């Protein structure tokens, strides 16, 4: 992640999404999904 963020910054990219590592982030977003929907998505998408 460190390497990619440096590369993206050098390339002029202004927004990068980093999942689970808030130490790299300027703002923290929570993507909420109701539990039953999460369960169904895990079952469907990951088997």
ModelCIF file with pLDDT and N, C-alpha, C, O atoms, coordinates in Angstrom:
data_MODEL
#
_entry.id   MODEL 
#
_entity.id                         1 
_entity.type                       polymer 
_entity.pdbx_number_of_molecules   1 
#
_entity_poly.entity_id                      1 
_entity_poly.type                           'polypeptide(L)' 
_entity_poly.nstd_linkage                   no 
_entity_poly.nstd_monomer                   no 
_entity_poly.pdbx_seq_one_letter_code       
;(UNK)(UNK)(UNK)(UNK)(UNK)(UNK)(UNK)(UNK)(UNK)(UNK)(UNK)(UNK)(UNK)(UNK)(UNK)(UNK)
(UNK)(UNK)(UNK)(UNK)(UNK)(UNK)(UNK)(UNK)(UNK)(UNK)(UNK)(UNK)(UNK)(UNK)(UNK)(UNK)
(UNK)(UNK)(UNK)(UNK)(UNK)(UNK)(UNK)(UNK)(UNK)(UNK)(UNK)(UNK)(UNK)(UNK)(UNK)
;
_entity_poly.pdbx_seq_one_letter_code_can   XXXXXXXXXXXXXXXXXXXXXXXXXXXXXXXXXXXXXXXXXXXXXXX 
_entity_poly.pdbx_strand_id                 A 
#
loop_
_entity_poly_seq.entity_id 
_entity_poly_seq.num 
_entity_poly_seq.mon_id 
_entity_poly_seq.hetero 
1 1  UNK n 
1 2  UNK n 
1 3  UNK n 
1 4  UNK n 
1 5  UNK n 
1 6  UNK n 
1 7  UNK n 
1 8  UNK n 
1 9  UNK n 
1 10 UNK n 
1 11 UNK n 
1 12 UNK n 
1 13 UNK n 
1 14 UNK n 
1 15 UNK n 
1 16 UNK n 
1 17 UNK n 
1 18 UNK n 
1 19 UNK n 
1 20 UNK n 
1 21 UNK n 
1 22 UNK n 
1 23 UNK n 
1 24 UNK n 
1 25 UNK n 
1 26 UNK n 
1 27 UNK n 
1 28 UNK n 
1 29 UNK n 
1 30 UNK n 
1 31 UNK n 
1 32 UNK n 
1 33 UNK n 
1 34 UNK n 
1 35 UNK n 
1 36 UNK n 
1 37 UNK n 
1 38 UNK n 
1 39 UNK n 
1 40 UNK n 
1 41 UNK n 
1 42 UNK n 
1 43 UNK n 
1 44 UNK n 
1 45 UNK n 
1 46 UNK n 
1 47 UNK n 
#
_struct_asym.id          A 
_struct_asym.entity_id   1 
#
loop_
_ma_qa_metric.id 
_ma_qa_metric.mode 
_ma_qa_metric.name 
_ma_qa_metric.software_group_id 
_ma_qa_metric.type 
1 global pLDDT . pLDDT 
2 local  pLDDT . pLDDT 
#
_ma_qa_metric_global.metric_id      1 
_ma_qa_metric_global.metric_value   91.98 
_ma_qa_metric_global.model_id       1 
_ma_qa_metric_global.ordinal_id     1 
#
loop_
_ma_qa_metric_local.label_asym_id 
_ma_qa_metric_local.label_comp_id 
_ma_qa_metric_local.label_seq_id 
_ma_qa_metric_local.metric_id 
_ma_qa_metric_local.metric_value 
_ma_qa_metric_local.model_id 
_ma_qa_metric_local.ordinal_id 
A UNK 1  2 94.00 1 1  
A UNK 2  2 93.00 1 2  
A UNK 3  2 94.00 1 3  
A UNK 4  2 93.00 1 4  
A UNK 5  2 94.00 1 5  
A UNK 6  2 94.00 1 6  
A UNK 7  2 96.00 1 7  
A UNK 8  2 94.00 1 8  
A UNK 9  2 92.00 1 9  
A UNK 10 2 96.00 1 10 
A UNK 11 2 96.00 1 11 
A UNK 12 2 93.00 1 12 
A UNK 13 2 91.00 1 13 
A UNK 14 2 84.00 1 14 
A UNK 15 2 85.00 1 15 
A UNK 16 2 87.00 1 16 
A UNK 17 2 86.00 1 17 
A UNK 18 2 87.00 1 18 
A UNK 19 2 82.00 1 19 
A UNK 20 2 77.00 1 20 
A UNK 21 2 82.00 1 21 
A UNK 22 2 83.00 1 22 
A UNK 23 2 87.00 1 23 
A UNK 24 2 86.00 1 24 
A UNK 25 2 88.00 1 25 
A UNK 26 2 88.00 1 26 
A UNK 27 2 91.00 1 27 
A UNK 28 2 93.00 1 28 
A UNK 29 2 94.00 1 29 
A UNK 30 2 94.00 1 30 
A UNK 31 2 94.00 1 31 
A UNK 32 2 96.00 1 32 
A UNK 33 2 96.00 1 33 
A UNK 34 2 96.00 1 34 
A UNK 35 2 96.00 1 35 
A UNK 36 2 97.00 1 36 
A UNK 37 2 97.00 1 37 
A UNK 38 2 96.00 1 38 
A UNK 39 2 97.00 1 39 
A UNK 40 2 97.00 1 40 
A UNK 41 2 96.00 1 41 
A UNK 42 2 96.00 1 42 
A UNK 43 2 97.00 1 43 
A UNK 44 2 96.00 1 44 
A UNK 45 2 95.00 1 45 
A UNK 46 2 93.00 1 46 
A UNK 47 2 94.00 1 47 
#
loop_
_atom_site.group_PDB 
_atom_site.id 
_atom_site.type_symbol 
_atom_site.label_atom_id 
_atom_site.label_alt_id 
_atom_site.label_comp_id 
_atom_site.label_asym_id 
_atom_site.label_entity_id 
_atom_site.label_seq_id 
_atom_site.pdbx_PDB_ins_code 
_atom_site.Cartn_x 
_atom_site.Cartn_y 
_atom_site.Cartn_z 
_atom_site.occupancy 
_atom_site.B_iso_or_equiv 
_atom_site.pdbx_formal_charge 
_atom_site.auth_seq_id 
_atom_site.auth_comp_id 
_atom_site.auth_asym_id 
_atom_site.auth_atom_id 
_atom_site.pdbx_PDB_model_num 
ATOM 1   N N  . UNK A 1 1  ? 0.836   -1.204  0.000   1.00 94.00 ? 1  UNK A N  1 
ATOM 2   C CA . UNK A 1 1  ? 0.000   0.000   0.000   1.00 94.00 ? 1  UNK A CA 1 
ATOM 3   C C  . UNK A 1 1  ? 0.871   1.255   0.000   1.00 94.00 ? 1  UNK A C  1 
ATOM 4   O O  . UNK A 1 1  ? 0.623   2.184   -0.769  1.00 94.00 ? 1  UNK A O  1 
ATOM 5   N N  . UNK A 1 2  ? 1.884   1.285   0.854   1.00 93.00 ? 2  UNK A N  1 
ATOM 6   C CA . UNK A 1 2  ? 2.789   2.447   0.886   1.00 93.00 ? 2  UNK A CA 1 
ATOM 7   C C  . UNK A 1 2  ? 3.375   2.728   -0.501  1.00 93.00 ? 2  UNK A C  1 
ATOM 8   O O  . UNK A 1 2  ? 3.386   3.868   -0.966  1.00 93.00 ? 2  UNK A O  1 
ATOM 9   N N  . UNK A 1 3  ? 3.854   1.682   -1.141  1.00 94.00 ? 3  UNK A N  1 
ATOM 10  C CA . UNK A 1 3  ? 4.463   1.836   -2.468  1.00 94.00 ? 3  UNK A CA 1 
ATOM 11  C C  . UNK A 1 3  ? 3.442   2.337   -3.484  1.00 94.00 ? 3  UNK A C  1 
ATOM 12  O O  . UNK A 1 3  ? 3.749   3.225   -4.279  1.00 94.00 ? 3  UNK A O  1 
ATOM 13  N N  . UNK A 1 4  ? 2.244   1.783   -3.468  1.00 93.00 ? 4  UNK A N  1 
ATOM 14  C CA . UNK A 1 4  ? 1.222   2.177   -4.431  1.00 93.00 ? 4  UNK A CA 1 
ATOM 15  C C  . UNK A 1 4  ? 0.732   3.600   -4.193  1.00 93.00 ? 4  UNK A C  1 
ATOM 16  O O  . UNK A 1 4  ? 0.511   4.346   -5.148  1.00 93.00 ? 4  UNK A O  1 
ATOM 17  N N  . UNK A 1 5  ? 0.559   3.985   -2.927  1.00 94.00 ? 5  UNK A N  1 
ATOM 18  C CA . UNK A 1 5  ? 0.120   5.352   -2.638  1.00 94.00 ? 5  UNK A CA 1 
ATOM 19  C C  . UNK A 1 5  ? 1.154   6.371   -3.103  1.00 94.00 ? 5  UNK A C  1 
ATOM 20  O O  . UNK A 1 5  ? 0.795   7.416   -3.646  1.00 94.00 ? 5  UNK A O  1 
ATOM 21  N N  . UNK A 1 6  ? 2.419   6.079   -2.897  1.00 94.00 ? 6  UNK A N  1 
ATOM 22  C CA . UNK A 1 6  ? 3.483   6.966   -3.369  1.00 94.00 ? 6  UNK A CA 1 
ATOM 23  C C  . UNK A 1 6  ? 3.449   7.078   -4.891  1.00 94.00 ? 6  UNK A C  1 
ATOM 24  O O  . UNK A 1 6  ? 3.543   8.173   -5.445  1.00 94.00 ? 6  UNK A O  1 
ATOM 25  N N  . UNK A 1 7  ? 3.316   5.938   -5.555  1.00 96.00 ? 7  UNK A N  1 
ATOM 26  C CA . UNK A 1 7  ? 3.243   5.935   -7.015  1.00 96.00 ? 7  UNK A CA 1 
ATOM 27  C C  . UNK A 1 7  ? 2.039   6.731   -7.513  1.00 96.00 ? 7  UNK A C  1 
ATOM 28  O O  . UNK A 1 7  ? 2.170   7.539   -8.433  1.00 96.00 ? 7  UNK A O  1 
ATOM 29  N N  . UNK A 1 8  ? 0.878   6.511   -6.919  1.00 94.00 ? 8  UNK A N  1 
ATOM 30  C CA . UNK A 1 8  ? -0.343  7.214   -7.352  1.00 94.00 ? 8  UNK A CA 1 
ATOM 31  C C  . UNK A 1 8  ? -0.222  8.716   -7.113  1.00 94.00 ? 8  UNK A C  1 
ATOM 32  O O  . UNK A 1 8  ? -0.676  9.519   -7.928  1.00 94.00 ? 8  UNK A O  1 
ATOM 33  N N  . UNK A 1 9  ? 0.390   9.091   -5.993  1.00 92.00 ? 9  UNK A N  1 
ATOM 34  C CA . UNK A 1 9  ? 0.596   10.518  -5.709  1.00 92.00 ? 9  UNK A CA 1 
ATOM 35  C C  . UNK A 1 9  ? 1.518   11.138  -6.748  1.00 92.00 ? 9  UNK A C  1 
ATOM 36  O O  . UNK A 1 9  ? 1.266   12.245  -7.224  1.00 92.00 ? 9  UNK A O  1 
ATOM 37  N N  . UNK A 1 10 ? 2.576   10.435  -7.100  1.00 96.00 ? 10 UNK A N  1 
ATOM 38  C CA . UNK A 1 10 ? 3.513   10.926  -8.117  1.00 96.00 ? 10 UNK A CA 1 
ATOM 39  C C  . UNK A 1 10 ? 2.825   11.065  -9.469  1.00 96.00 ? 10 UNK A C  1 
ATOM 40  O O  . UNK A 1 10 ? 3.193   11.926  -10.269 1.00 96.00 ? 10 UNK A O  1 
ATOM 41  N N  . UNK A 1 11 ? 1.831   10.224  -9.725  1.00 96.00 ? 11 UNK A N  1 
ATOM 42  C CA . UNK A 1 11 ? 1.085   10.266  -10.975 1.00 96.00 ? 11 UNK A CA 1 
ATOM 43  C C  . UNK A 1 11 ? -0.041  11.303  -10.948 1.00 96.00 ? 11 UNK A C  1 
ATOM 44  O O  . UNK A 1 11 ? -0.731  11.494  -11.950 1.00 96.00 ? 11 UNK A O  1 
ATOM 45  N N  . UNK A 1 12 ? -0.230  11.976  -9.802  1.00 93.00 ? 12 UNK A N  1 
ATOM 46  C CA . UNK A 1 12 ? -1.236  13.029  -9.697  1.00 93.00 ? 12 UNK A CA 1 
ATOM 47  C C  . UNK A 1 12 ? -2.611  12.563  -9.281  1.00 93.00 ? 12 UNK A C  1 
ATOM 48  O O  . UNK A 1 12 ? -3.560  13.347  -9.320  1.00 93.00 ? 12 UNK A O  1 
ATOM 49  N N  . UNK A 1 13 ? -2.749  11.320  -8.887  1.00 91.00 ? 13 UNK A N  1 
ATOM 50  C CA . UNK A 1 13 ? -4.059  10.814  -8.465  1.00 91.00 ? 13 UNK A CA 1 
ATOM 51  C C  . UNK A 1 13 ? -4.405  11.412  -7.111  1.00 91.00 ? 13 UNK A C  1 
ATOM 52  O O  . UNK A 1 13 ? -3.572  11.433  -6.205  1.00 91.00 ? 13 UNK A O  1 
ATOM 53  N N  . UNK A 1 14 ? -5.645  11.902  -6.971  1.00 84.00 ? 14 UNK A N  1 
ATOM 54  C CA . UNK A 1 14 ? -6.043  12.583  -5.749  1.00 84.00 ? 14 UNK A CA 1 
ATOM 55  C C  . UNK A 1 14 ? -6.828  11.705  -4.786  1.00 84.00 ? 14 UNK A C  1 
ATOM 56  O O  . UNK A 1 14 ? -6.834  11.974  -3.585  1.00 84.00 ? 14 UNK A O  1 
ATOM 57  N N  . UNK A 1 15 ? -7.490  10.665  -5.277  1.00 85.00 ? 15 UNK A N  1 
ATOM 58  C CA . UNK A 1 15 ? -8.311  9.813   -4.422  1.00 85.00 ? 15 UNK A CA 1 
ATOM 59  C C  . UNK A 1 15 ? -7.846  8.370   -4.558  1.00 85.00 ? 15 UNK A C  1 
ATOM 60  O O  . UNK A 1 15 ? -7.739  7.836   -5.662  1.00 85.00 ? 15 UNK A O  1 
ATOM 61  N N  . UNK A 1 16 ? -7.575  7.756   -3.425  1.00 87.00 ? 16 UNK A N  1 
ATOM 62  C CA . UNK A 1 16 ? -7.249  6.331   -3.364  1.00 87.00 ? 16 UNK A CA 1 
ATOM 63  C C  . UNK A 1 16 ? -8.070  5.718   -2.237  1.00 87.00 ? 16 UNK A C  1 
ATOM 64  O O  . UNK A 1 16 ? -8.234  6.324   -1.178  1.00 87.00 ? 16 UNK A O  1 
ATOM 65  N N  . UNK A 1 17 ? -8.576  4.533   -2.465  1.00 86.00 ? 17 UNK A N  1 
ATOM 66  C CA . UNK A 1 17 ? -9.358  3.831   -1.448  1.00 86.00 ? 17 UNK A CA 1 
ATOM 67  C C  . UNK A 1 17 ? -8.488  2.746   -0.839  1.00 86.00 ? 17 UNK A C  1 
ATOM 68  O O  . UNK A 1 17 ? -7.923  1.914   -1.549  1.00 86.00 ? 17 UNK A O  1 
ATOM 69  N N  . UNK A 1 18 ? -8.385  2.763   0.482   1.00 87.00 ? 18 UNK A N  1 
ATOM 70  C CA . UNK A 1 18 ? -7.607  1.773   1.214   1.00 87.00 ? 18 UNK A CA 1 
ATOM 71  C C  . UNK A 1 18 ? -8.547  1.118   2.220   1.00 87.00 ? 18 UNK A C  1 
ATOM 72  O O  . UNK A 1 18 ? -9.130  1.794   3.067   1.00 87.00 ? 18 UNK A O  1 
ATOM 73  N N  . UNK A 1 19 ? -8.688  -0.180  2.122   1.00 82.00 ? 19 UNK A N  1 
ATOM 74  C CA . UNK A 1 19 ? -9.611  -0.921  2.971   1.00 82.00 ? 19 UNK A CA 1 
ATOM 75  C C  . UNK A 1 19 ? -8.868  -1.494  4.171   1.00 82.00 ? 19 UNK A C  1 
ATOM 76  O O  . UNK A 1 19 ? -7.862  -2.184  4.007   1.00 82.00 ? 19 UNK A O  1 
ATOM 77  N N  . UNK A 1 20 ? -9.350  -1.215  5.363   1.00 77.00 ? 20 UNK A N  1 
ATOM 78  C CA . UNK A 1 20 ? -8.873  -1.794  6.623   1.00 77.00 ? 20 UNK A CA 1 
ATOM 79  C C  . UNK A 1 20 ? -7.605  -1.174  7.205   1.00 77.00 ? 20 UNK A C  1 
ATOM 80  O O  . UNK A 1 20 ? -7.143  -1.639  8.247   1.00 77.00 ? 20 UNK A O  1 
ATOM 81  N N  . UNK A 1 21 ? -7.037  -0.177  6.603   1.00 82.00 ? 21 UNK A N  1 
ATOM 82  C CA . UNK A 1 21 ? -5.804  0.411   7.130   1.00 82.00 ? 21 UNK A CA 1 
ATOM 83  C C  . UNK A 1 21 ? -5.948  1.919   7.254   1.00 82.00 ? 21 UNK A C  1 
ATOM 84  O O  . UNK A 1 21 ? -5.486  2.663   6.389   1.00 82.00 ? 21 UNK A O  1 
ATOM 85  N N  . UNK A 1 22 ? -6.589  2.375   8.332   1.00 83.00 ? 22 UNK A N  1 
ATOM 86  C CA . UNK A 1 22 ? -6.868  3.795   8.471   1.00 83.00 ? 22 UNK A CA 1 
ATOM 87  C C  . UNK A 1 22 ? -5.610  4.642   8.635   1.00 83.00 ? 22 UNK A C  1 
ATOM 88  O O  . UNK A 1 22 ? -5.656  5.853   8.419   1.00 83.00 ? 22 UNK A O  1 
ATOM 89  N N  . UNK A 1 23 ? -4.492  4.031   9.013   1.00 87.00 ? 23 UNK A N  1 
ATOM 90  C CA . UNK A 1 23 ? -3.253  4.794   9.186   1.00 87.00 ? 23 UNK A CA 1 
ATOM 91  C C  . UNK A 1 23 ? -2.799  5.472   7.893   1.00 87.00 ? 23 UNK A C  1 
ATOM 92  O O  . UNK A 1 23 ? -2.004  6.411   7.937   1.00 87.00 ? 23 UNK A O  1 
ATOM 93  N N  . UNK A 1 24 ? -3.292  5.011   6.752   1.00 86.00 ? 24 UNK A N  1 
ATOM 94  C CA . UNK A 1 24 ? -2.903  5.583   5.463   1.00 86.00 ? 24 UNK A CA 1 
ATOM 95  C C  . UNK A 1 24 ? -3.905  6.631   4.964   1.00 86.00 ? 24 UNK A C  1 
ATOM 96  O O  . UNK A 1 24 ? -3.706  7.217   3.900   1.00 86.00 ? 24 UNK A O  1 
ATOM 97  N N  . UNK A 1 25 ? -4.969  6.868   5.718   1.00 88.00 ? 25 UNK A N  1 
ATOM 98  C CA . UNK A 1 25 ? -6.116  7.616   5.193   1.00 88.00 ? 25 UNK A CA 1 
ATOM 99  C C  . UNK A 1 25 ? -6.270  9.004   5.801   1.00 88.00 ? 25 UNK A C  1 
ATOM 100 O O  . UNK A 1 25 ? -5.961  9.229   6.971   1.00 88.00 ? 25 UNK A O  1 
ATOM 101 N N  . UNK A 1 26 ? -6.754  9.924   4.980   1.00 88.00 ? 26 UNK A N  1 
ATOM 102 C CA . UNK A 1 26 ? -7.087  11.264  5.439   1.00 88.00 ? 26 UNK A CA 1 
ATOM 103 C C  . UNK A 1 26 ? -8.498  11.296  6.023   1.00 88.00 ? 26 UNK A C  1 
ATOM 104 O O  . UNK A 1 26 ? -8.763  12.053  6.957   1.00 88.00 ? 26 UNK A O  1 
ATOM 105 N N  . UNK A 1 27 ? -9.399  10.487  5.486   1.00 91.00 ? 27 UNK A N  1 
ATOM 106 C CA . UNK A 1 27 ? -10.757 10.360  6.016   1.00 91.00 ? 27 UNK A CA 1 
ATOM 107 C C  . UNK A 1 27 ? -11.111 8.875   6.080   1.00 91.00 ? 27 UNK A C  1 
ATOM 108 O O  . UNK A 1 27 ? -10.623 8.065   5.292   1.00 91.00 ? 27 UNK A O  1 
ATOM 109 N N  . UNK A 1 28 ? -11.969 8.546   7.036   1.00 93.00 ? 28 UNK A N  1 
ATOM 110 C CA . UNK A 1 28 ? -12.391 7.167   7.231   1.00 93.00 ? 28 UNK A CA 1 
ATOM 111 C C  . UNK A 1 28 ? -13.866 7.058   6.862   1.00 93.00 ? 28 UNK A C  1 
ATOM 112 O O  . UNK A 1 28 ? -14.716 7.768   7.399   1.00 93.00 ? 28 UNK A O  1 
ATOM 113 N N  . UNK A 1 29 ? -14.145 6.154   5.934   1.00 94.00 ? 29 UNK A N  1 
ATOM 114 C CA . UNK A 1 29 ? -15.519 5.903   5.515   1.00 94.00 ? 29 UNK A CA 1 
ATOM 115 C C  . UNK A 1 29 ? -15.939 4.534   6.000   1.00 94.00 ? 29 UNK A C  1 
ATOM 116 O O  . UNK A 1 29 ? -15.140 3.599   6.028   1.00 94.00 ? 29 UNK A O  1 
ATOM 117 N N  . UNK A 1 30 ? -17.185 4.426   6.376   1.00 94.00 ? 30 UNK A N  1 
ATOM 118 C CA . UNK A 1 30 ? -17.764 3.132   6.736   1.00 94.00 ? 30 UNK A CA 1 
ATOM 119 C C  . UNK A 1 30 ? -18.806 2.789   5.679   1.00 94.00 ? 30 UNK A C  1 
ATOM 120 O O  . UNK A 1 30 ? -19.753 3.546   5.465   1.00 94.00 ? 30 UNK A O  1 
ATOM 121 N N  . UNK A 1 31 ? -18.631 1.659   5.028   1.00 94.00 ? 31 UNK A N  1 
ATOM 122 C CA . UNK A 1 31 ? -19.602 1.181   4.052   1.00 94.00 ? 31 UNK A CA 1 
ATOM 123 C C  . UNK A 1 31 ? -20.497 0.184   4.781   1.00 94.00 ? 31 UNK A C  1 
ATOM 124 O O  . UNK A 1 31 ? -20.094 -0.949  5.045   1.00 94.00 ? 31 UNK A O  1 
ATOM 125 N N  . UNK A 1 32 ? -21.709 0.614   5.101   1.00 96.00 ? 32 UNK A N  1 
ATOM 126 C CA . UNK A 1 32 ? -22.644 -0.216  5.874   1.00 96.00 ? 32 UNK A CA 1 
ATOM 127 C C  . UNK A 1 32 ? -23.518 -1.050  4.950   1.00 96.00 ? 32 UNK A C  1 
ATOM 128 O O  . UNK A 1 32 ? -24.058 -0.559  3.959   1.00 96.00 ? 32 UNK A O  1 
ATOM 129 N N  . UNK A 1 33 ? -23.642 -2.320  5.302   1.00 96.00 ? 33 UNK A N  1 
ATOM 130 C CA . UNK A 1 33 ? -24.580 -3.222  4.644   1.00 96.00 ? 33 UNK A CA 1 
ATOM 131 C C  . UNK A 1 33 ? -25.260 -4.016  5.747   1.00 96.00 ? 33 UNK A C  1 
ATOM 132 O O  . UNK A 1 33 ? -24.593 -4.531  6.644   1.00 96.00 ? 33 UNK A O  1 
ATOM 133 N N  . UNK A 1 34 ? -26.588 -4.117  5.686   1.00 96.00 ? 34 UNK A N  1 
ATOM 134 C CA . UNK A 1 34 ? -27.312 -4.885  6.693   1.00 96.00 ? 34 UNK A CA 1 
ATOM 135 C C  . UNK A 1 34 ? -26.764 -6.300  6.755   1.00 96.00 ? 34 UNK A C  1 
ATOM 136 O O  . UNK A 1 34 ? -26.341 -6.857  5.742   1.00 96.00 ? 34 UNK A O  1 
ATOM 137 N N  . UNK A 1 35 ? -26.775 -6.879  7.950   1.00 96.00 ? 35 UNK A N  1 
ATOM 138 C CA . UNK A 1 35 ? -26.139 -8.176  8.169   1.00 96.00 ? 35 UNK A CA 1 
ATOM 139 C C  . UNK A 1 35 ? -26.680 -9.276  7.260   1.00 96.00 ? 35 UNK A C  1 
ATOM 140 O O  . UNK A 1 35 ? -25.902 -10.052 6.705   1.00 96.00 ? 35 UNK A O  1 
ATOM 141 N N  . UNK A 1 36 ? -27.973 -9.353  7.100   1.00 97.00 ? 36 UNK A N  1 
ATOM 142 C CA . UNK A 1 36 ? -28.525 -10.426 6.271   1.00 97.00 ? 36 UNK A CA 1 
ATOM 143 C C  . UNK A 1 36 ? -28.071 -10.297 4.819   1.00 97.00 ? 36 UNK A C  1 
ATOM 144 O O  . UNK A 1 36 ? -27.819 -11.302 4.155   1.00 97.00 ? 36 UNK A O  1 
ATOM 145 N N  . UNK A 1 37 ? -27.968 -9.082  4.333   1.00 97.00 ? 37 UNK A N  1 
ATOM 146 C CA . UNK A 1 37 ? -27.479 -8.857  2.965   1.00 97.00 ? 37 UNK A CA 1 
ATOM 147 C C  . UNK A 1 37 ? -26.011 -9.258  2.872   1.00 97.00 ? 37 UNK A C  1 
ATOM 148 O O  . UNK A 1 37 ? -25.597 -9.857  1.879   1.00 97.00 ? 37 UNK A O  1 
ATOM 149 N N  . UNK A 1 38 ? -25.225 -8.939  3.887   1.00 96.00 ? 38 UNK A N  1 
ATOM 150 C CA . UNK A 1 38 ? -23.814 -9.342  3.912   1.00 96.00 ? 38 UNK A CA 1 
ATOM 151 C C  . UNK A 1 38 ? -23.690 -10.855 3.861   1.00 96.00 ? 38 UNK A C  1 
ATOM 152 O O  . UNK A 1 38 ? -22.866 -11.398 3.125   1.00 96.00 ? 38 UNK A O  1 
ATOM 153 N N  . UNK A 1 39 ? -24.515 -11.529 4.649   1.00 97.00 ? 39 UNK A N  1 
ATOM 154 C CA . UNK A 1 39 ? -24.489 -12.995 4.662   1.00 97.00 ? 39 UNK A CA 1 
ATOM 155 C C  . UNK A 1 39 ? -24.815 -13.531 3.275   1.00 97.00 ? 39 UNK A C  1 
ATOM 156 O O  . UNK A 1 39 ? -24.108 -14.400 2.765   1.00 97.00 ? 39 UNK A O  1 
ATOM 157 N N  . UNK A 1 40 ? -25.871 -13.022 2.665   1.00 97.00 ? 40 UNK A N  1 
ATOM 158 C CA . UNK A 1 40 ? -26.261 -13.490 1.337   1.00 97.00 ? 40 UNK A CA 1 
ATOM 159 C C  . UNK A 1 40 ? -25.171 -13.222 0.301   1.00 97.00 ? 40 UNK A C  1 
ATOM 160 O O  . UNK A 1 40 ? -24.923 -14.066 -0.560  1.00 97.00 ? 40 UNK A O  1 
ATOM 161 N N  . UNK A 1 41 ? -24.522 -12.075 0.368   1.00 96.00 ? 41 UNK A N  1 
ATOM 162 C CA . UNK A 1 41 ? -23.456 -11.747 -0.585  1.00 96.00 ? 41 UNK A CA 1 
ATOM 163 C C  . UNK A 1 41 ? -22.257 -12.673 -0.414  1.00 96.00 ? 41 UNK A C  1 
ATOM 164 O O  . UNK A 1 41 ? -21.670 -13.110 -1.403  1.00 96.00 ? 41 UNK A O  1 
ATOM 165 N N  . UNK A 1 42 ? -21.887 -12.979 0.831   1.00 96.00 ? 42 UNK A N  1 
ATOM 166 C CA . UNK A 1 42 ? -20.785 -13.913 1.061   1.00 96.00 ? 42 UNK A CA 1 
ATOM 167 C C  . UNK A 1 42 ? -21.125 -15.295 0.508   1.00 96.00 ? 42 UNK A C  1 
ATOM 168 O O  . UNK A 1 42 ? -20.278 -15.958 -0.091  1.00 96.00 ? 42 UNK A O  1 
ATOM 169 N N  . UNK A 1 43 ? -22.355 -15.718 0.712   1.00 97.00 ? 43 UNK A N  1 
ATOM 170 C CA . UNK A 1 43 ? -22.774 -17.033 0.227   1.00 97.00 ? 43 UNK A CA 1 
ATOM 171 C C  . UNK A 1 43 ? -22.774 -17.068 -1.309  1.00 97.00 ? 43 UNK A C  1 
ATOM 172 O O  . UNK A 1 43 ? -22.302 -18.032 -1.913  1.00 97.00 ? 43 UNK A O  1 
ATOM 173 N N  . UNK A 1 44 ? -23.303 -16.018 -1.928  1.00 96.00 ? 44 UNK A N  1 
ATOM 174 C CA . UNK A 1 44 ? -23.413 -15.973 -3.391  1.00 96.00 ? 44 UNK A CA 1 
ATOM 175 C C  . UNK A 1 44 ? -22.070 -15.719 -4.071  1.00 96.00 ? 44 UNK A C  1 
ATOM 176 O O  . UNK A 1 44 ? -21.735 -16.385 -5.051  1.00 96.00 ? 44 UNK A O  1 
ATOM 177 N N  . UNK A 1 45 ? -21.300 -14.761 -3.558  1.00 95.00 ? 45 UNK A N  1 
ATOM 178 C CA . UNK A 1 45 ? -20.076 -14.338 -4.237  1.00 95.00 ? 45 UNK A CA 1 
ATOM 179 C C  . UNK A 1 45 ? -18.861 -15.196 -3.921  1.00 95.00 ? 45 UNK A C  1 
ATOM 180 O O  . UNK A 1 45 ? -17.958 -15.324 -4.747  1.00 95.00 ? 45 UNK A O  1 
ATOM 181 N N  . UNK A 1 46 ? -18.833 -15.781 -2.737  1.00 93.00 ? 46 UNK A N  1 
ATOM 182 C CA . UNK A 1 46 ? -17.670 -16.572 -2.345  1.00 93.00 ? 46 UNK A CA 1 
ATOM 183 C C  . UNK A 1 46 ? -17.990 -18.049 -2.156  1.00 93.00 ? 46 UNK A C  1 
ATOM 184 O O  . UNK A 1 46 ? -17.091 -18.859 -1.931  1.00 93.00 ? 46 UNK A O  1 
ATOM 185 N N  . UNK A 1 47 ? -19.250 -18.393 -2.246  1.00 94.00 ? 47 UNK A N  1 
ATOM 186 C CA . UNK A 1 47 ? -19.626 -19.790 -2.108  1.00 94.00 ? 47 UNK A CA 1 
ATOM 187 C C  . UNK A 1 47 ? -19.558 -20.301 -0.677  1.00 94.00 ? 47 UNK A C  1 
ATOM 188 O O  . UNK A 1 47 ? -19.852 -21.469 -0.424  1.00 94.00 ? 47 UNK A O  1 
#
